[in-house]
Amino acid sequence: MLLKILKTILISFFSINSISLESQNLKCDYDFKFMPDRNICVKDLRDNKNRKQGLMNTEKLSQNHQVNFIWNNERKIRCMWMKDTSIPLDILFIDESKIVLEKGKPFSTKKICHPALIVIEANRGELLEEYKKIDSSLKYEN
């Protein structure tokens, strides 16, 4: 129920506050899809092979681009790490009852784990800025 409410709030918020593509001149990188209601470019990773690869060995993530790690099964503890990732990231864990935001530190071997149905990665500061508009108390966990 809480997840449905969160989705509704997110969709409503970003629909109302979106900026037109023409004014932003946002062009999505290869393999990313433009989401006009949120004015971002998104890449969904739905299978194990792509989720395991994630942003490893990626040298740059363009502004307003995010990667969504999506699982179609029940809620579980999801672990992310930055061993082969050179980009400082925001890592957002979305669960039915809670949102947790962590800082992904480049090349760190520390696992970052939280219960989640979806995990979103974006450039450092972008997810904090985006989701703080919905929940002003949101802050980095680490």
C-alpha atoms as a PDB file:
ATOM      1  CA  MET A   1       0.000   0.000   0.000  1.00  0.00           C
ATOM      2  CA  LEU A   2       2.764   2.429   0.967  1.00  0.00           C
ATOM      3  CA  LEU A   3       4.585   1.605  -2.284  1.00  0.00           C
ATOM      4  CA  LYS A   4       1.478   2.498  -4.319  1.00  0.00           C
ATOM      5  CA  ILE A   5       1.177   5.799  -2.451  1.00  0.00           C
ATOM      6  CA  LEU A   6       4.867   6.528  -3.037  1.00  0.00           C
ATOM      7  CA  LYS A   7       4.528   5.803  -6.762  1.00  0.00           C
ATOM      8  CA  THR A   8       1.488   8.084  -6.997  1.00  0.00           C
ATOM      9  CA  ILE A   9       3.300  10.900  -5.194  1.00  0.00           C
ATOM     10  CA  LEU A  10       6.387  10.509  -7.386  1.00  0.00           C
ATOM     11  CA  ILE A  11       4.423  10.481 -10.624  1.00  0.00           C
ATOM     12  CA  SER A  12       2.316  13.466  -9.572  1.00  0.00           C
ATOM     13  CA  PHE A  13       5.299  15.462  -8.362  1.00  0.00           C
ATOM     14  CA  PHE A  14       7.414  14.935 -11.427  1.00  0.00           C
ATOM     15  CA  SER A  15       4.522  15.468 -13.834  1.00  0.00           C
ATOM     16  CA  ILE A  16       3.764  18.841 -12.264  1.00  0.00           C
ATOM     17  CA  ASN A  17       7.385  19.927 -11.951  1.00  0.00           C
ATOM     18  CA  SER A  18       8.873  18.571 -15.158  1.00  0.00           C
ATOM     19  CA  ILE A  19      10.722  20.885 -17.509  1.00  0.00           C
ATOM     20  CA  SER A  20      10.215  20.504 -21.237  1.00  0.00           C
ATOM     21  CA  LEU A  21      12.774  18.559 -23.225  1.00  0.00           C
ATOM     22  CA  GLU A  22      13.291  21.511 -25.551  1.00  0.00           C
ATOM     23  CA  SER A  23      14.255  23.888 -22.744  1.00  0.00           C
ATOM     24  CA  GLN A  24      16.578  21.366 -21.119  1.00  0.00           C
ATOM     25  CA  ASN A  25      18.035  19.988 -24.379  1.00  0.00           C
ATOM     26  CA  LEU A  26      18.410  16.673 -22.589  1.00  0.00           C
ATOM     27  CA  LYS A  27      19.690  13.960 -24.878  1.00  0.00           C
ATOM     28  CA  CYS A  28      19.860  10.461 -23.548  1.00  0.00           C
ATOM     29  CA  ASP A  29      23.027   8.416 -23.878  1.00  0.00           C
ATOM     30  CA  TYR A  30      22.951   5.124 -25.752  1.00  0.00           C
ATOM     31  CA  ASP A  31      20.763   2.501 -24.073  1.00  0.00           C
ATOM     32  CA  PHE A  32      18.941   5.069 -21.877  1.00  0.00           C
ATOM     33  CA  LYS A  33      15.309   6.049 -22.412  1.00  0.00           C
ATOM     34  CA  PHE A  34      13.915   9.544 -21.908  1.00  0.00           C
ATOM     35  CA  MET A  35      11.218   9.856 -19.233  1.00  0.00           C
ATOM     36  CA  PRO A  36       9.413  13.113 -20.124  1.00  0.00           C
ATOM     37  CA  ASP A  37       7.332  13.147 -16.943  1.00  0.00           C
ATOM     38  CA  ARG A  38      10.541  13.363 -14.870  1.00  0.00           C
ATOM     39  CA  ASN A  39      12.911  14.920 -17.427  1.00  0.00           C
ATOM     40  CA  ILE A  40      15.552  12.249 -16.893  1.00  0.00           C
ATOM     41  CA  CYS A  41      17.111   9.410 -18.846  1.00  0.00           C
ATOM     42  CA  VAL A  42      16.701   5.938 -17.375  1.00  0.00           C
ATOM     43  CA  LYS A  43      18.219   2.539 -17.975  1.00  0.00           C
ATOM     44  CA  ASP A  44      16.337  -0.380 -16.416  1.00  0.00           C
ATOM     45  CA  LEU A  45      18.332  -3.475 -15.485  1.00  0.00           C
ATOM     46  CA  ARG A  46      15.961  -6.412 -15.037  1.00  0.00           C
ATOM     47  CA  ASP A  47      18.127  -9.517 -15.458  1.00  0.00           C
ATOM     48  CA  ASN A  48      20.969 -10.886 -13.335  1.00  0.00           C
ATOM     49  CA  LYS A  49      23.670 -10.388 -15.975  1.00  0.00           C
ATOM     50  CA  ASN A  50      22.893  -6.684 -16.447  1.00  0.00           C
ATOM     51  CA  ARG A  51      22.326  -6.047 -12.727  1.00  0.00           C
ATOM     52  CA  LYS A  52      25.707  -7.653 -11.902  1.00  0.00           C
ATOM     53  CA  GLN A  53      27.440  -5.414 -14.447  1.00  0.00           C
ATOM     54  CA  GLY A  54      25.591  -2.234 -13.408  1.00  0.00           C
ATOM     55  CA  LEU A  55      27.905   0.759 -13.777  1.00  0.00           C
ATOM     56  CA  MET A  56      31.140  -1.218 -13.346  1.00  0.00           C
ATOM     57  CA  ASN A  57      33.943   0.071 -15.545  1.00  0.00           C
ATOM     58  CA  THR A  58      31.810   3.028 -16.673  1.00  0.00           C
ATOM     59  CA  GLU A  59      33.935   6.175 -16.764  1.00  0.00           C
ATOM     60  CA  LYS A  60      31.092   8.700 -16.854  1.00  0.00           C
ATOM     61  CA  LEU A  61      27.384   8.883 -16.137  1.00  0.00           C
ATOM     62  CA  SER A  62      25.825  11.890 -17.828  1.00  0.00           C
ATOM     63  CA  GLN A  63      23.850  14.389 -15.756  1.00  0.00           C
ATOM     64  CA  ASN A  64      20.178  13.472 -15.261  1.00  0.00           C
ATOM     65  CA  HIS A  65      20.828   9.828 -16.111  1.00  0.00           C
ATOM     66  CA  GLN A  66      20.025   7.041 -13.694  1.00  0.00           C
ATOM     67  CA  VAL A  67      20.206   3.264 -13.621  1.00  0.00           C
ATOM     68  CA  ASN A  68      17.335   1.305 -12.065  1.00  0.00           C
ATOM     69  CA  PHE A  69      18.051  -2.164 -10.706  1.00  0.00           C
ATOM     70  CA  ILE A  70      14.668  -3.888 -10.726  1.00  0.00           C
ATOM     71  CA  TRP A  71      13.717  -7.269  -9.291  1.00  0.00           C
ATOM     72  CA  ASN A  72      10.357  -8.865 -10.033  1.00  0.00           C
ATOM     73  CA  ASN A  73      10.256 -11.007  -6.927  1.00  0.00           C
ATOM     74  CA  GLU A  74       9.712 -10.383  -3.249  1.00  0.00           C
ATOM     75  CA  ARG A  75      11.529  -7.922  -1.064  1.00  0.00           C
ATOM     76  CA  LYS A  76      15.049  -9.026  -0.125  1.00  0.00           C
ATOM     77  CA  ILE A  77      18.243  -7.541   1.218  1.00  0.00           C
ATOM     78  CA  ARG A  78      19.979  -6.076  -1.843  1.00  0.00           C
ATOM     79  CA  CYS A  79      23.709  -5.386  -1.767  1.00  0.00           C
ATOM     80  CA  MET A  80      25.577  -2.974  -4.025  1.00  0.00           C
ATOM     81  CA  TRP A  81      29.293  -2.277  -4.172  1.00  0.00           C
ATOM     82  CA  MET A  82      31.612   0.060  -6.020  1.00  0.00           C
ATOM     83  CA  LYS A  83      34.748  -2.089  -6.503  1.00  0.00           C
ATOM     84  CA  ASP A  84      35.085  -1.387 -10.234  1.00  0.00           C
ATOM     85  CA  THR A  85      33.119   1.869 -10.377  1.00  0.00           C
ATOM     86  CA  SER A  86      34.972   5.192 -10.582  1.00  0.00           C
ATOM     87  CA  ILE A  87      31.942   7.507 -10.397  1.00  0.00           C
ATOM     88  CA  PRO A  88      30.747   8.909  -7.037  1.00  0.00           C
ATOM     89  CA  LEU A  89      27.117   7.830  -6.869  1.00  0.00           C
ATOM     90  CA  ASP A  90      23.893   8.217  -4.966  1.00  0.00           C
ATOM     91  CA  ILE A  91      22.432   4.770  -4.287  1.00  0.00           C
ATOM     92  CA  LEU A  92      18.751   4.780  -3.379  1.00  0.00           C
ATOM     93  CA  PHE A  93      17.125   1.654  -1.934  1.00  0.00           C
ATOM     94  CA  ILE A  94      13.345   1.656  -2.300  1.00  0.00           C
ATOM     95  CA  ASP A  95      11.326  -0.733  -0.187  1.00  0.00           C
ATOM     96  CA  GLU A  96       7.598  -0.987   0.511  1.00  0.00           C
ATOM     97  CA  SER A  97       7.963   0.913   3.752  1.00  0.00           C
ATOM     98  CA  LYS A  98      11.234   2.835   3.563  1.00  0.00           C
ATOM     99  CA  ILE A  99      13.643   4.762   1.327  1.00  0.00           C
ATOM    100  CA  VAL A 100      17.356   4.669   2.168  1.00  0.00           C
ATOM    101  CA  LEU A 101      19.971   6.825   0.440  1.00  0.00           C
ATOM    102  CA  GLU A 102      23.671   5.974   0.578  1.00  0.00           C
ATOM    103  CA  LYS A 103      26.821   7.480  -0.912  1.00  0.00           C
ATOM    104  CA  GLY A 104      28.632   5.110  -3.243  1.00  0.00           C
ATOM    105  CA  LYS A 105      32.356   5.762  -2.892  1.00  0.00           C
ATOM    106  CA  PRO A 106      34.462   5.062  -6.008  1.00  0.00           C
ATOM    107  CA  PHE A 107      36.373   1.769  -5.932  1.00  0.00           C
ATOM    108  CA  SER A 108      35.100   0.859  -2.459  1.00  0.00           C
ATOM    109  CA  THR A 109      34.850  -2.875  -1.707  1.00  0.00           C
ATOM    110  CA  LYS A 110      32.407  -2.275   1.136  1.00  0.00           C
ATOM    111  CA  LYS A 111      29.001  -3.780   0.434  1.00  0.00           C
ATOM    112  CA  ILE A 112      26.028  -1.457   0.939  1.00  0.00           C
ATOM    113  CA  CYS A 113      22.976  -3.547   1.842  1.00  0.00           C
ATOM    114  CA  HIS A 114      19.328  -2.719   2.581  1.00  0.00           C
ATOM    115  CA  PRO A 115      15.923  -4.306   1.976  1.00  0.00           C
ATOM    116  CA  ALA A 116      14.700  -3.201  -1.448  1.00  0.00           C
ATOM    117  CA  LEU A 117      12.492  -3.957  -4.399  1.00  0.00           C
ATOM    118  CA  ILE A 118      14.279  -1.355  -6.538  1.00  0.00           C
ATOM    119  CA  VAL A 119      17.740   0.208  -6.275  1.00  0.00           C
ATOM    120  CA  ILE A 120      18.522   3.395  -8.209  1.00  0.00           C
ATOM    121  CA  GLU A 121      21.980   4.777  -8.951  1.00  0.00           C
ATOM    122  CA  ALA A 122      22.740   8.288 -10.212  1.00  0.00           C
ATOM    123  CA  ASN A 123      25.510  10.855  -9.967  1.00  0.00           C
ATOM    124  CA  ARG A 124      26.267  12.036  -6.427  1.00  0.00           C
ATOM    125  CA  GLY A 125      23.739  14.597  -5.271  1.00  0.00           C
ATOM    126  CA  GLU A 126      21.128  14.022  -7.991  1.00  0.00           C
ATOM    127  CA  LEU A 127      18.934  11.541  -6.112  1.00  0.00           C
ATOM    128  CA  LEU A 128      19.259  13.463  -2.855  1.00  0.00           C
ATOM    129  CA  GLU A 129      18.063  16.613  -4.616  1.00  0.00           C
ATOM    130  CA  GLU A 130      15.256  14.795  -6.467  1.00  0.00           C
ATOM    131  CA  TYR A 131      13.819  12.839  -3.536  1.00  0.00           C
ATOM    132  CA  LYS A 132      14.349  15.546  -0.899  1.00  0.00           C
ATOM    133  CA  LYS A 133      11.528  17.449  -2.641  1.00  0.00           C
ATOM    134  CA  ILE A 134       9.238  14.564  -1.674  1.00  0.00           C
ATOM    135  CA  ASP A 135      10.673  13.827   1.773  1.00  0.00           C
ATOM    136  CA  SER A 136      12.516  16.804   3.249  1.00  0.00           C
ATOM    137  CA  SER A 137      13.986  14.620   6.014  1.00  0.00           C
ATOM    138  CA  LEU A 138      15.866  12.404   3.536  1.00  0.00           C
ATOM    139  CA  LYS A 139      19.609  12.339   4.132  1.00  0.00           C
ATOM    140  CA  TYR A 140      22.544  10.084   3.412  1.00  0.00           C
ATOM    141  CA  GLU A 141      22.769   7.064   5.704  1.00  0.00           C
ATOM    142  CA  ASN A 142      26.587   6.920   5.568  1.00  0.00           C
END
